Amino acid sequence: MQPTFKTDRLTVTRRRLADTDACLAMDLEPDVLRYLGGPVGDALAQRRRIEARTRGPYPPGLGYWSLRQGDATGPFAGWILLIPVDGVGPEIEIGWRLPTAVWGRGYATEAAGAVLRHGFETVGLDEIIAEIDAANTASIRVAEKLGLRWMGERFNEGLIWQRFSARAP
């Protein structure tokens, strides 16, 4: 139910359990989770969380996608999600996480744009949101480049999240 997308520089494919090691290595980078509660304290618990999030379940057409530079066998370049907010909804959120080695290359915008279009055109969503820490200016720029508009704030898990929204064209 999750299609593969080919962009100019990336292949965006359904995330598989085989991607767990790459996802965990990314999450263990100190700067990667800086705006999401800090570094991973328990790598085994984080591995289990990654695997559970990979498995889902998610509604048809939703889930996690892995980013690969070039073709589907290229180096891991992060992931994009399109899932119910907090795993339960009813709102649907888009999000991204990339290893620091590929930050600043525009990969998040490129891959998230394909997934955002899929959410509207194929899944038939009316609205997609993103929740971003106010200090995470790089992710806020990605959301703005994707056409998401600031909608306010939401307090969750002890943090204040900036809410952005895009509506179906």
C-alpha atoms as a PDB file:
ATOM      1  CA  MET A   1       0.000   0.000   0.000  1.00  0.00           C
ATOM      2  CA  GLN A   2       3.016   2.339   0.357  1.00  0.00           C
ATOM      3  CA  PRO A   3       4.408   3.272  -3.043  1.00  0.00           C
ATOM      4  CA  THR A   4       8.047   3.919  -3.841  1.00  0.00           C
ATOM      5  CA  PHE A   5       8.951   7.403  -5.043  1.00  0.00           C
ATOM      6  CA  LYS A   6      11.905   8.361  -7.208  1.00  0.00           C
ATOM      7  CA  THR A   7      13.000  11.982  -6.923  1.00  0.00           C
ATOM      8  CA  ASP A   8      15.890  13.703  -8.668  1.00  0.00           C
ATOM      9  CA  ARG A   9      18.423  12.411  -6.128  1.00  0.00           C
ATOM     10  CA  LEU A  10      16.612   9.919  -3.896  1.00  0.00           C
ATOM     11  CA  THR A  11      14.614   6.731  -3.846  1.00  0.00           C
ATOM     12  CA  VAL A  12      11.929   6.822  -1.146  1.00  0.00           C
ATOM     13  CA  THR A  13      10.783   3.315  -0.200  1.00  0.00           C
ATOM     14  CA  ARG A  14       8.656   1.730   2.518  1.00  0.00           C
ATOM     15  CA  ARG A  15      10.791   1.400   5.637  1.00  0.00           C
ATOM     16  CA  ARG A  16      11.670  -2.197   6.440  1.00  0.00           C
ATOM     17  CA  LEU A  17      13.018  -3.910   9.538  1.00  0.00           C
ATOM     18  CA  ALA A  18      16.312  -4.230   7.628  1.00  0.00           C
ATOM     19  CA  ASP A  19      16.606  -0.416   8.001  1.00  0.00           C
ATOM     20  CA  THR A  20      16.631  -0.641  11.812  1.00  0.00           C
ATOM     21  CA  ASP A  21      20.421  -0.506  12.219  1.00  0.00           C
ATOM     22  CA  ALA A  22      20.696   2.594  10.012  1.00  0.00           C
ATOM     23  CA  CYS A  23      17.794   4.265  11.850  1.00  0.00           C
ATOM     24  CA  LEU A  24      19.351   3.467  15.232  1.00  0.00           C
ATOM     25  CA  ALA A  25      22.779   4.750  14.179  1.00  0.00           C
ATOM     26  CA  MET A  26      21.121   7.999  13.082  1.00  0.00           C
ATOM     27  CA  ASP A  27      19.195   8.292  16.360  1.00  0.00           C
ATOM     28  CA  LEU A  28      22.410   7.788  18.346  1.00  0.00           C
ATOM     29  CA  GLU A  29      23.943  10.905  16.780  1.00  0.00           C
ATOM     30  CA  PRO A  30      23.746  13.577  19.535  1.00  0.00           C
ATOM     31  CA  ASP A  31      22.377  16.352  17.292  1.00  0.00           C
ATOM     32  CA  VAL A  32      19.699  14.281  15.541  1.00  0.00           C
ATOM     33  CA  LEU A  33      17.309  14.067  18.503  1.00  0.00           C
ATOM     34  CA  ARG A  34      18.238  17.431  20.011  1.00  0.00           C
ATOM     35  CA  TYR A  35      14.722  18.829  19.421  1.00  0.00           C
ATOM     36  CA  LEU A  36      12.920  15.601  20.286  1.00  0.00           C
ATOM     37  CA  GLY A  37      13.982  15.072  23.879  1.00  0.00           C
ATOM     38  CA  GLY A  38      17.717  14.677  23.553  1.00  0.00           C
ATOM     39  CA  PRO A  39      20.021  11.744  22.971  1.00  0.00           C
ATOM     40  CA  VAL A  40      18.904   8.141  23.244  1.00  0.00           C
ATOM     41  CA  GLY A  41      19.461   6.855  26.780  1.00  0.00           C
ATOM     42  CA  ASP A  42      18.752   3.184  26.097  1.00  0.00           C
ATOM     43  CA  ALA A  43      19.777   1.917  22.659  1.00  0.00           C
ATOM     44  CA  LEU A  44      17.904  -1.375  23.084  1.00  0.00           C
ATOM     45  CA  ALA A  45      14.658   0.451  23.934  1.00  0.00           C
ATOM     46  CA  GLN A  46      15.200   2.761  20.950  1.00  0.00           C
ATOM     47  CA  ARG A  47      15.732  -0.269  18.678  1.00  0.00           C
ATOM     48  CA  ARG A  48      12.420  -1.708  19.878  1.00  0.00           C
ATOM     49  CA  ARG A  49      10.688   1.624  19.288  1.00  0.00           C
ATOM     50  CA  ILE A  50      12.072   1.845  15.735  1.00  0.00           C
ATOM     51  CA  GLU A  51      10.942  -1.705  14.990  1.00  0.00           C
ATOM     52  CA  ALA A  52       7.465  -1.111  16.431  1.00  0.00           C
ATOM     53  CA  ARG A  53       7.089   2.094  14.415  1.00  0.00           C
ATOM     54  CA  THR A  54       8.268   0.292  11.268  1.00  0.00           C
ATOM     55  CA  ARG A  55       5.687  -2.488  11.726  1.00  0.00           C
ATOM     56  CA  GLY A  56       2.743  -0.173  12.420  1.00  0.00           C
ATOM     57  CA  PRO A  57      -0.123  -0.840  11.913  1.00  0.00           C
ATOM     58  CA  TYR A  58      -1.065   2.243   9.909  1.00  0.00           C
ATOM     59  CA  PRO A  59      -4.072   3.062   7.749  1.00  0.00           C
ATOM     60  CA  PRO A  60      -3.679   2.222   4.037  1.00  0.00           C
ATOM     61  CA  GLY A  61      -1.079   4.360   2.280  1.00  0.00           C
ATOM     62  CA  LEU A  62       0.455   5.643   5.527  1.00  0.00           C
ATOM     63  CA  GLY A  63       3.616   4.678   7.400  1.00  0.00           C
ATOM     64  CA  TYR A  64       7.348   5.302   7.265  1.00  0.00           C
ATOM     65  CA  TRP A  65       9.546   5.596   4.179  1.00  0.00           C
ATOM     66  CA  SER A  66      13.333   5.238   4.089  1.00  0.00           C
ATOM     67  CA  LEU A  67      15.384   7.610   1.962  1.00  0.00           C
ATOM     68  CA  ARG A  68      18.197   6.215  -0.175  1.00  0.00           C
ATOM     69  CA  GLN A  69      20.670   8.321  -2.107  1.00  0.00           C
ATOM     70  CA  GLY A  70      20.365   7.398  -5.764  1.00  0.00           C
ATOM     71  CA  ASP A  71      18.614   4.063  -6.222  1.00  0.00           C
ATOM     72  CA  ALA A  72      17.045   1.691  -3.700  1.00  0.00           C
ATOM     73  CA  THR A  73      20.461   0.197  -2.860  1.00  0.00           C
ATOM     74  CA  GLY A  74      22.100   3.575  -2.194  1.00  0.00           C
ATOM     75  CA  PRO A  75      23.266   4.860   1.183  1.00  0.00           C
ATOM     76  CA  PHE A  76      20.612   5.462   3.861  1.00  0.00           C
ATOM     77  CA  ALA A  77      19.675   9.153   4.041  1.00  0.00           C
ATOM     78  CA  GLY A  78      16.932   9.184   6.705  1.00  0.00           C
ATOM     79  CA  TRP A  79      13.181   8.677   6.770  1.00  0.00           C
ATOM     80  CA  ILE A  80       9.850  10.398   6.203  1.00  0.00           C
ATOM     81  CA  LEU A  81       6.664   9.538   8.059  1.00  0.00           C
ATOM     82  CA  LEU A  82       3.017  10.064   7.244  1.00  0.00           C
ATOM     83  CA  ILE A  83       1.078   8.642  10.187  1.00  0.00           C
ATOM     84  CA  PRO A  84      -1.704   9.510  12.626  1.00  0.00           C
ATOM     85  CA  VAL A  85      -0.521  12.128  15.164  1.00  0.00           C
ATOM     86  CA  ASP A  86       0.922  10.427  18.246  1.00  0.00           C
ATOM     87  CA  GLY A  87       0.182   7.123  16.515  1.00  0.00           C
ATOM     88  CA  VAL A  88      -3.563   7.468  17.121  1.00  0.00           C
ATOM     89  CA  GLY A  89      -4.834  10.487  15.151  1.00  0.00           C
ATOM     90  CA  PRO A  90      -7.303  11.548  14.005  1.00  0.00           C
ATOM     91  CA  GLU A  91      -4.995  14.146  12.420  1.00  0.00           C
ATOM     92  CA  ILE A  92      -2.270  12.913  10.069  1.00  0.00           C
ATOM     93  CA  GLU A  93       1.252  14.225  10.452  1.00  0.00           C
ATOM     94  CA  ILE A  94       4.265  14.362   8.206  1.00  0.00           C
ATOM     95  CA  GLY A  95       7.749  14.280   9.687  1.00  0.00           C
ATOM     96  CA  TRP A  96      11.343  13.645   8.720  1.00  0.00           C
ATOM     97  CA  ARG A  97      14.624  12.636  10.295  1.00  0.00           C
ATOM     98  CA  LEU A  98      17.993  12.589   8.556  1.00  0.00           C
ATOM     99  CA  PRO A  99      21.533  11.764   9.678  1.00  0.00           C
ATOM    100  CA  THR A 100      23.767  14.801  10.130  1.00  0.00           C
ATOM    101  CA  ALA A 101      25.989  13.733   7.193  1.00  0.00           C
ATOM    102  CA  VAL A 102      23.210  14.711   4.757  1.00  0.00           C
ATOM    103  CA  TRP A 103      21.835  17.814   6.485  1.00  0.00           C
ATOM    104  CA  GLY A 104      21.626  20.920   4.325  1.00  0.00           C
ATOM    105  CA  ARG A 105      21.284  19.082   0.992  1.00  0.00           C
ATOM    106  CA  GLY A 106      17.533  19.573   0.582  1.00  0.00           C
ATOM    107  CA  TYR A 107      16.769  15.859   0.928  1.00  0.00           C
ATOM    108  CA  ALA A 108      14.038  16.371   3.539  1.00  0.00           C
ATOM    109  CA  THR A 109      12.166  18.824   1.323  1.00  0.00           C
ATOM    110  CA  GLU A 110      12.626  16.659  -1.775  1.00  0.00           C
ATOM    111  CA  ALA A 111      11.405  13.422  -0.169  1.00  0.00           C
ATOM    112  CA  ALA A 112       8.697  14.959   2.019  1.00  0.00           C
ATOM    113  CA  GLY A 113       7.270  16.737  -1.026  1.00  0.00           C
ATOM    114  CA  ALA A 114       6.696  13.384  -2.743  1.00  0.00           C
ATOM    115  CA  VAL A 115       5.099  11.900   0.385  1.00  0.00           C
ATOM    116  CA  LEU A 116       2.946  15.004   0.928  1.00  0.00           C
ATOM    117  CA  ARG A 117       1.602  14.801  -2.642  1.00  0.00           C
ATOM    118  CA  HIS A 118       0.907  11.090  -2.108  1.00  0.00           C
ATOM    119  CA  GLY A 119      -1.073  11.928   1.045  1.00  0.00           C
ATOM    120  CA  PHE A 120      -3.318  14.338  -0.830  1.00  0.00           C
ATOM    121  CA  GLU A 121      -3.533  12.776  -4.290  1.00  0.00           C
ATOM    122  CA  THR A 122      -3.505   9.041  -3.529  1.00  0.00           C
ATOM    123  CA  VAL A 123      -4.629   8.641   0.077  1.00  0.00           C
ATOM    124  CA  GLY A 124      -7.167  11.464  -0.265  1.00  0.00           C
ATOM    125  CA  LEU A 125      -6.298  13.360   2.903  1.00  0.00           C
ATOM    126  CA  ASP A 126      -7.845  16.801   3.402  1.00  0.00           C
ATOM    127  CA  GLU A 127      -5.142  18.095   5.745  1.00  0.00           C
ATOM    128  CA  ILE A 128      -1.627  17.096   6.813  1.00  0.00           C
ATOM    129  CA  ILE A 129       0.127  18.664   9.772  1.00  0.00           C
ATOM    130  CA  ALA A 130       3.662  18.871  11.124  1.00  0.00           C
ATOM    131  CA  GLU A 131       4.639  19.560  14.719  1.00  0.00           C
ATOM    132  CA  ILE A 132       8.089  21.071  15.167  1.00  0.00           C
ATOM    133  CA  ASP A 133      10.044  22.407  18.133  1.00  0.00           C
ATOM    134  CA  ALA A 134      10.226  26.206  17.820  1.00  0.00           C
ATOM    135  CA  ALA A 135      14.028  26.133  18.045  1.00  0.00           C
ATOM    136  CA  ASN A 136      14.334  23.709  15.120  1.00  0.00           C
ATOM    137  CA  THR A 137      14.622  26.369  12.439  1.00  0.00           C
ATOM    138  CA  ALA A 138      15.878  23.929   9.785  1.00  0.00           C
ATOM    139  CA  SER A 139      12.733  21.782  10.056  1.00  0.00           C
ATOM    140  CA  ILE A 140      10.536  24.873  10.140  1.00  0.00           C
ATOM    141  CA  ARG A 141      12.144  25.972   6.853  1.00  0.00           C
ATOM    142  CA  VAL A 142      11.410  22.535   5.360  1.00  0.00           C
ATOM    143  CA  ALA A 143       7.751  22.808   6.422  1.00  0.00           C
ATOM    144  CA  GLU A 144       7.500  26.282   4.887  1.00  0.00           C
ATOM    145  CA  LYS A 145       9.146  25.149   1.629  1.00  0.00           C
ATOM    146  CA  LEU A 146       6.565  22.346   1.462  1.00  0.00           C
ATOM    147  CA  GLY A 147       3.794  24.943   1.713  1.00  0.00           C
ATOM    148  CA  LEU A 148       2.742  24.192   5.280  1.00  0.00           C
ATOM    149  CA  ARG A 149       1.434  27.235   7.176  1.00  0.00           C
ATOM    150  CA  TRP A 150       1.894  28.023  10.853  1.00  0.00           C
ATOM    151  CA  MET A 151      -1.306  27.298  12.789  1.00  0.00           C
ATOM    152  CA  GLY A 152      -0.311  27.816  16.427  1.00  0.00           C
ATOM    153  CA  GLU A 153       1.168  25.757  19.218  1.00  0.00           C
ATOM    154  CA  ARG A 154       0.397  22.492  21.000  1.00  0.00           C
ATOM    155  CA  PHE A 155       1.722  21.331  24.355  1.00  0.00           C
ATOM    156  CA  ASN A 156       2.569  17.616  24.351  1.00  0.00           C
ATOM    157  CA  GLU A 157       5.026  15.386  26.225  1.00  0.00           C
ATOM    158  CA  GLY A 158       6.328  18.357  28.200  1.00  0.00           C
ATOM    159  CA  LEU A 159       7.236  20.350  25.088  1.00  0.00           C
ATOM    160  CA  ILE A 160       5.647  23.159  23.094  1.00  0.00           C
ATOM    161  CA  TRP A 161       5.319  22.230  19.427  1.00  0.00           C
ATOM    162  CA  GLN A 162       4.799  24.667  16.573  1.00  0.00           C
ATOM    163  CA  ARG A 163       1.933  23.339  14.435  1.00  0.00           C
ATOM    164  CA  PHE A 164       1.995  23.677  10.669  1.00  0.00           C
ATOM    165  CA  SER A 165      -0.713  22.591   8.253  1.00  0.00           C
ATOM    166  CA  ALA A 166      -1.234  21.966   4.560  1.00  0.00           C
ATOM    167  CA  ARG A 167      -4.634  21.427   3.002  1.00  0.00           C
ATOM    168  CA  ALA A 168      -5.447  19.441  -0.110  1.00  0.00           C
ATOM    169  CA  PRO A 169      -5.276  21.537  -3.274  1.00  0.00           C
END
